[in-house]
């Protein structure tokens, strides 16, 4: 049974106990340079404990900078460390020590991972998303979390979200979590209890790369790995279906990242890039004007006789002046 938290936070509520404050301050003395933590918000009441945690943390660690965001594609509300770790649990109590360890970044060698596991981790070359559901009173949860955090510390392609089932009962219910800890890989593969993480790593490595989700590719693109996305498609000799979803995304920044990846693909393997033409053309009629313009621009880079025929048709029939201009520019460029 999952118990929900209820009632507003009491006036004067403190996140850290006096012993925990001493623990954080001891850690602060060993940290150098600016420490950045993201505070990902929803503008709802559920944000408050995370705001208070970060407020108290900056008092105890003066060189800690909190970056607030209400426009975040990942889990929220959450506290983020680095680019691949998200806490949807207040990392206090049993979770404080492992949280403080993550602030050291790569300065601390992993204690829980064997050399074989570390070597195996190198095989994860595309983002994987691990969600582990825990409870504060669970003695096994913190053990598993500490182990998983070291995976994320050794390979930034490993993204971990730690979810407190008491704070997020609806999320746990949707995932059909019956007991804790419960761990999901990419929302598909599930483990209950403490397990051998090598099994999870092998499952992540053996995934069909063409089945990479749009979220996985988007995470790579948002961290500047467009060339790597192109390289993965070349290695698989396949165009990932999710890249089409990102090219036609409503948000300009998402489309831009995907188009940069395709530009790398055009440069390195134009024949493979040309396989994008049909799925893009199929999606074209249902797209809004600005997205159509970007698709036309990209089709111009692929440049096949069939695409030129399409572009001539667009030039003669499109009602959006920007789309017509994009078609005209693409045709002139390839003359």
Protein backbone atom coordinates (compact mmCIF):
# COMPACT_ATOMS: atom_id res chain seq x y z
CA UNK A 1 0.00 0.00 0.00
CA UNK A 2 1.26 3.48 -0.90
CA UNK A 3 0.67 6.21 1.67
CA UNK A 4 0.27 9.77 0.43
CA UNK A 5 1.60 12.88 2.12
CA UNK A 6 -1.06 15.37 3.08
CA UNK A 7 -1.40 18.88 4.42
CA UNK A 8 0.67 22.03 3.84
CA UNK A 9 4.18 22.39 5.14
CA UNK A 10 4.25 23.85 8.62
CA UNK A 11 5.67 27.30 9.26
CA UNK A 12 9.32 27.04 10.19
CA UNK A 13 9.61 23.64 8.51
CA UNK A 14 13.27 22.61 8.15
CA UNK A 15 14.43 20.17 5.49
CA UNK A 16 17.66 19.15 7.21
CA UNK A 17 18.17 17.99 10.78
CA UNK A 18 21.11 19.46 12.71
CA UNK A 19 23.15 16.30 12.06
CA UNK A 20 22.37 16.47 8.35
CA UNK A 21 23.42 20.13 8.25
CA UNK A 22 26.77 19.14 9.74
CA UNK A 23 27.07 16.39 7.12
CA UNK A 24 26.35 18.81 4.26
CA UNK A 25 28.78 21.41 5.60
CA UNK A 26 31.50 18.77 5.90
CA UNK A 27 30.90 17.92 2.25
CA UNK A 28 30.97 21.60 1.29
CA UNK A 29 34.49 21.89 2.63
CA UNK A 30 35.66 19.33 0.08
CA UNK A 31 33.90 20.83 -2.93
CA UNK A 32 35.75 23.24 -5.19
CA UNK A 33 34.38 25.49 -7.90
CA UNK A 34 30.74 26.21 -8.61
CA UNK A 35 28.26 23.39 -8.03
CA UNK A 36 25.20 23.60 -10.28
CA UNK A 37 21.90 21.98 -9.42
CA UNK A 38 18.73 22.29 -11.48
CA UNK A 39 15.39 22.86 -9.78
CA UNK A 40 12.73 21.72 -12.23
CA UNK A 41 9.34 23.12 -11.30
CA UNK A 42 5.68 22.67 -12.19
CA UNK A 43 4.35 25.87 -10.58
CA UNK A 44 2.21 23.68 -8.31
CA UNK A 45 2.21 23.14 -4.52
CA UNK A 46 4.27 19.99 -5.02
CA UNK A 47 7.23 22.27 -5.85
CA UNK A 48 7.51 23.64 -2.30
CA UNK A 49 9.59 20.91 -0.58
CA UNK A 50 12.10 20.99 -3.44
CA UNK A 51 12.36 24.77 -3.29
CA UNK A 52 12.99 24.60 0.46
CA UNK A 53 15.60 21.89 0.01
CA UNK A 54 17.51 24.00 -2.51
CA UNK A 55 17.18 27.15 -0.39
CA UNK A 56 18.70 25.39 2.63
CA UNK A 57 21.35 23.71 0.50
CA UNK A 58 22.67 27.02 -0.84
CA UNK A 59 23.04 28.31 2.72
CA UNK A 60 25.06 25.26 3.69
CA UNK A 61 27.04 25.12 0.42
CA UNK A 62 27.71 28.76 -0.59
CA UNK A 63 29.23 27.81 -3.96
CA UNK A 64 26.08 25.90 -4.94
CA UNK A 65 24.09 27.59 -7.71
CA UNK A 66 20.45 26.65 -8.24
CA UNK A 67 19.14 26.92 -11.81
CA UNK A 68 15.34 27.08 -11.79
CA UNK A 69 13.26 25.96 -14.75
CA UNK A 70 9.52 25.73 -15.33
CA UNK A 71 10.01 24.59 -18.94
CA UNK A 72 11.69 21.24 -18.54
CA UNK A 73 11.18 18.18 -20.73
CA UNK A 74 12.17 15.75 -17.97
CA UNK A 75 10.55 14.77 -14.66
CA UNK A 76 9.19 17.59 -12.50
CA UNK A 77 9.16 18.68 -9.82
CA UNK A 78 12.65 17.38 -9.38
CA UNK A 79 16.16 18.24 -8.31
CA UNK A 80 18.67 17.61 -11.07
CA UNK A 81 22.38 16.89 -10.70
CA UNK A 82 24.46 17.03 -13.86
CA UNK A 83 22.64 16.17 -17.07
CA UNK A 84 21.47 12.69 -16.19
CA UNK A 85 20.20 12.48 -12.61
CA UNK A 86 16.81 13.61 -11.31
CA UNK A 87 15.52 13.35 -7.75
CA UNK A 88 11.77 13.19 -7.29
CA UNK A 89 12.51 12.41 -3.68
CA UNK A 90 13.98 14.77 -1.11
CA UNK A 91 17.54 13.44 -0.81
CA UNK A 92 17.71 13.65 2.96
CA UNK A 93 18.00 10.99 5.64
CA UNK A 94 19.32 7.73 4.18
CA UNK A 95 19.58 9.32 0.72
CA UNK A 96 21.69 12.30 1.74
CA UNK A 97 25.08 10.58 1.62
CA UNK A 98 24.65 9.28 -1.93
CA UNK A 99 23.29 12.67 -3.03
CA UNK A 100 26.33 14.47 -1.66
CA UNK A 101 28.57 11.94 -3.39
CA UNK A 102 27.01 12.87 -6.75
CA UNK A 103 28.05 16.49 -6.18
CA UNK A 104 31.68 15.41 -6.41
CA UNK A 105 31.04 14.37 -10.01
CA UNK A 106 33.80 12.21 -11.42
CA UNK A 107 36.18 12.94 -8.56
CA UNK A 108 35.10 9.91 -6.56
CA UNK A 109 35.79 6.37 -7.80
CA UNK A 110 32.77 4.04 -7.76
CA UNK A 111 32.65 1.85 -4.66
CA UNK A 112 29.81 -0.51 -5.56
CA UNK A 113 30.73 -1.35 -9.15
CA UNK A 114 33.09 -4.15 -10.11
CA UNK A 115 35.67 -3.68 -12.90
CA UNK A 116 33.54 -5.98 -15.09
CA UNK A 117 30.50 -3.77 -14.59
CA UNK A 118 32.45 -0.60 -15.37
CA UNK A 119 33.79 -2.18 -18.57
CA UNK A 120 30.31 -3.37 -19.52
CA UNK A 121 28.95 0.17 -19.05
CA UNK A 122 31.12 1.43 -21.91
CA UNK A 123 28.82 -0.46 -24.26
CA UNK A 124 25.92 1.93 -23.57
CA UNK A 125 26.40 4.43 -26.40
CA UNK A 126 22.89 5.89 -26.57
CA UNK A 127 20.78 7.32 -23.74
CA UNK A 128 18.89 4.92 -21.50
CA UNK A 129 16.28 6.08 -19.03
CA UNK A 130 16.04 4.31 -15.70
CA UNK A 131 13.23 5.13 -13.28
CA UNK A 132 13.41 3.65 -9.79
CA UNK A 133 10.43 3.90 -7.44
CA UNK A 134 11.40 4.02 -3.77
CA UNK A 135 10.10 4.84 -0.30
CA UNK A 136 11.99 6.66 2.44
CA UNK A 137 11.43 3.88 4.98
CA UNK A 138 12.52 1.06 2.64
CA UNK A 139 15.91 -0.37 3.74
CA UNK A 140 16.63 -1.94 0.34
CA UNK A 141 15.75 1.12 -1.74
CA UNK A 142 18.71 3.25 -0.69
CA UNK A 143 21.05 0.32 -1.35
CA UNK A 144 19.80 -0.01 -4.92
CA UNK A 145 19.78 3.75 -5.52
CA UNK A 146 23.40 4.06 -4.39
CA UNK A 147 24.32 1.32 -6.86
CA UNK A 148 22.40 2.88 -9.75
CA UNK A 149 23.83 6.35 -9.09
CA UNK A 150 27.29 4.96 -9.75
CA UNK A 151 26.12 3.78 -13.17
CA UNK A 152 25.09 7.35 -13.99
CA UNK A 153 28.40 8.64 -12.63
CA UNK A 154 30.39 6.35 -14.92
CA UNK A 155 28.36 6.90 -18.10
CA UNK A 156 26.39 10.06 -18.84
CA UNK A 157 24.18 8.11 -21.27
CA UNK A 158 22.58 6.52 -18.19
CA UNK A 159 19.75 8.79 -17.02
CA UNK A 160 18.20 8.03 -13.65
CA UNK A 161 15.01 9.34 -12.06
CA UNK A 162 14.38 8.48 -8.41
CA UNK A 163 10.68 8.69 -7.57
CA UNK A 164 9.27 8.75 -4.03
CA UNK A 165 6.04 6.74 -4.17
CA UNK A 166 4.69 8.65 -1.17
CA UNK A 167 5.08 12.02 -2.86
CA UNK A 168 3.99 10.77 -6.29
CA UNK A 169 1.35 8.08 -5.68
CA UNK A 170 -0.42 8.78 -8.98
CA UNK A 171 2.78 8.25 -10.91
CA UNK A 172 3.44 5.00 -9.06
CA UNK A 173 -0.12 3.83 -9.69
CA UNK A 174 0.15 4.60 -13.41
CA UNK A 175 3.34 2.54 -13.57
CA UNK A 176 1.54 -0.25 -11.65
CA UNK A 177 4.15 -0.27 -8.92
CA UNK A 178 3.16 -2.87 -6.33
CA UNK A 179 6.24 -2.79 -4.10
CA UNK A 180 9.51 -0.94 -3.69
CA UNK A 181 12.08 -0.74 -5.01
CA UNK A 182 10.75 -1.17 -8.55
CA UNK A 183 13.00 -0.25 -11.46
CA UNK A 184 12.07 0.41 -15.09
CA UNK A 185 14.39 0.61 -18.10
CA UNK A 186 12.99 2.88 -20.83
CA UNK A 187 9.52 2.30 -19.39
CA UNK A 188 9.49 -1.25 -20.79
CA UNK A 189 11.65 -3.63 -18.78
CA UNK A 190 10.96 -4.01 -15.06
CA UNK A 191 12.82 -5.32 -12.01
CA UNK A 192 11.40 -5.62 -8.50
CA UNK A 193 13.64 -5.54 -5.45
CA UNK A 194 17.43 -5.45 -5.47
CA UNK A 195 18.90 -7.05 -8.60
CA UNK A 196 22.18 -7.51 -10.48
CA UNK A 197 22.69 -4.26 -12.39
CA UNK A 198 24.74 -6.10 -15.04
CA UNK A 199 21.45 -7.59 -16.24
CA UNK A 200 20.05 -4.09 -16.77
CA UNK A 201 23.22 -2.95 -18.54
CA UNK A 202 23.15 -5.91 -20.94
CA UNK A 203 19.49 -5.25 -21.66
CA UNK A 204 20.33 -1.61 -22.44
CA UNK A 205 23.18 -2.61 -24.76
CA UNK A 206 21.14 -5.24 -26.61
CA UNK A 207 18.26 -2.90 -27.44
CA UNK A 208 17.43 -2.47 -31.10
CA UNK A 209 18.90 0.98 -31.86
CA UNK A 210 16.18 1.70 -34.42
CA UNK A 211 13.69 1.46 -31.55
CA UNK A 212 15.27 4.37 -29.68
CA UNK A 213 12.53 6.64 -28.41
CA UNK A 214 12.11 10.27 -29.37
CA UNK A 215 12.94 11.15 -25.74
CA UNK A 216 16.26 9.31 -25.98
CA UNK A 217 17.26 11.05 -29.20
CA UNK A 218 16.03 14.40 -27.93
CA UNK A 219 18.19 14.08 -24.82
CA UNK A 220 21.24 13.45 -27.00
CA UNK A 221 20.45 16.42 -29.22
CA UNK A 222 19.85 18.72 -26.25
CA UNK A 223 23.31 17.88 -24.94
CA UNK A 224 25.00 18.69 -28.27
CA UNK A 225 25.38 15.14 -29.58
CA UNK A 226 23.82 15.59 -33.03
CA UNK A 227 26.88 14.10 -34.72
CA UNK A 228 26.67 11.09 -32.42
CA UNK A 229 23.02 10.55 -33.40
CA UNK A 230 24.07 10.53 -37.05
CA UNK A 231 26.85 8.10 -36.22
CA UNK A 232 24.44 5.70 -34.52
CA UNK A 233 22.20 5.69 -37.59
CA UNK A 234 25.19 5.01 -39.84
CA UNK A 235 26.35 2.20 -37.57
CA UNK A 236 22.86 0.65 -37.65
CA UNK A 237 22.51 1.37 -41.39
CA UNK A 238 19.03 2.64 -40.65
CA UNK A 239 17.14 5.88 -40.23
CA UNK A 240 15.61 5.94 -36.76
CA UNK A 241 11.82 6.51 -36.93
CA UNK A 242 12.05 8.80 -33.90
CA UNK A 243 14.21 11.28 -35.82
CA UNK A 244 11.23 12.01 -38.10
CA UNK A 245 9.12 12.71 -35.03
CA UNK A 246 11.70 15.26 -33.86
CA UNK A 247 12.14 16.87 -37.29
CA UNK A 248 8.39 17.52 -37.35
CA UNK A 249 8.11 18.56 -33.69
CA UNK A 250 6.12 21.71 -32.90
CA UNK A 251 9.02 23.28 -30.97
CA UNK A 252 11.61 24.99 -33.13
CA UNK A 253 14.54 24.12 -30.86
CA UNK A 254 13.69 20.41 -31.05
CA UNK A 255 13.42 20.54 -34.86
CA UNK A 256 16.71 22.38 -35.11
CA UNK A 257 18.62 19.73 -33.18
CA UNK A 258 17.17 16.97 -35.35
CA UNK A 259 17.96 18.86 -38.55
CA UNK A 260 21.57 19.33 -37.45
CA UNK A 261 21.82 15.56 -36.97
CA UNK A 262 20.46 15.02 -40.48
CA UNK A 263 22.99 17.51 -41.87
CA UNK A 264 25.77 15.38 -40.38
CA UNK A 265 24.13 12.32 -41.92
CA UNK A 266 23.94 13.99 -45.35
CA UNK A 267 27.65 14.80 -45.19
CA UNK A 268 28.74 11.32 -44.08
CA UNK A 269 26.21 9.00 -45.70
CA UNK A 270 23.94 10.78 -48.23
CA UNK A 271 22.38 7.53 -49.45
CA UNK A 272 21.19 6.71 -45.94
CA UNK A 273 19.98 10.26 -45.38
CA UNK A 274 17.88 10.01 -48.55
CA UNK A 275 15.78 7.31 -46.84
CA UNK A 276 14.25 10.12 -44.80
CA UNK A 277 12.53 11.52 -47.87
CA UNK A 278 9.49 9.23 -47.94
CA UNK A 279 8.51 9.46 -44.24
CA UNK A 280 9.01 13.23 -44.29
CA UNK A 281 6.95 13.61 -47.45
CA UNK A 282 4.22 11.41 -45.97
CA UNK A 283 3.97 13.62 -42.89
CA UNK A 284 4.24 16.91 -44.83
CA UNK A 285 0.52 17.58 -45.62
CA UNK A 286 -0.59 17.45 -41.98
CA UNK A 287 2.14 19.78 -40.67
CA UNK A 288 1.67 23.46 -39.75
CA UNK A 289 3.27 26.07 -42.01
CA UNK A 290 6.49 26.73 -40.06
CA UNK A 291 7.18 23.01 -39.76
CA UNK A 292 6.44 22.47 -43.45
CA UNK A 293 9.02 25.14 -44.26
CA UNK A 294 11.69 23.34 -42.24
CA UNK A 295 10.81 19.99 -43.84
CA UNK A 296 11.08 21.55 -47.29
CA UNK A 297 14.48 22.98 -46.36
CA UNK A 298 15.64 19.56 -45.24
CA UNK A 299 14.26 17.81 -48.32
CA UNK A 300 16.31 20.22 -50.38
CA UNK A 301 19.45 18.98 -48.67
CA UNK A 302 18.59 15.35 -49.45
CA UNK A 303 18.23 16.28 -53.15
CA UNK A 304 17.02 13.40 -55.29
CA UNK A 305 15.13 13.63 -58.62
CA UNK A 306 11.94 12.59 -56.82
CA UNK A 307 12.43 15.30 -54.20
CA UNK A 308 12.97 17.94 -56.89
CA UNK A 309 9.65 16.93 -58.40
CA UNK A 310 7.98 17.34 -55.02
CA UNK A 311 9.57 20.75 -54.54
CA UNK A 312 8.32 21.94 -57.94
CA UNK A 313 4.84 20.85 -56.90
CA UNK A 314 5.11 22.73 -53.60
CA UNK A 315 6.33 25.83 -55.42
CA UNK A 316 3.20 25.79 -57.56
CA UNK A 317 0.60 24.91 -54.93
CA UNK A 318 1.74 26.07 -51.48
CA UNK A 319 -0.25 28.98 -50.06
CA UNK A 320 2.23 29.82 -47.31
CA UNK A 321 4.78 32.30 -48.72
CA UNK A 322 7.53 31.03 -46.41
CA UNK A 323 7.00 27.46 -47.60
CA UNK A 324 7.13 28.59 -51.24
CA UNK A 325 10.29 30.56 -50.50
CA UNK A 326 11.88 27.49 -48.90
CA UNK A 327 10.99 25.36 -51.95
CA UNK A 328 12.37 27.98 -54.33
CA UNK A 329 15.60 28.29 -52.35
CA UNK A 330 16.05 24.51 -52.25
CA UNK A 331 15.55 24.17 -56.00
CA UNK A 332 17.91 27.03 -56.81
CA UNK A 333 20.57 25.59 -54.50
CA UNK A 334 20.50 22.25 -56.30
CA UNK A 335 20.47 23.55 -59.88
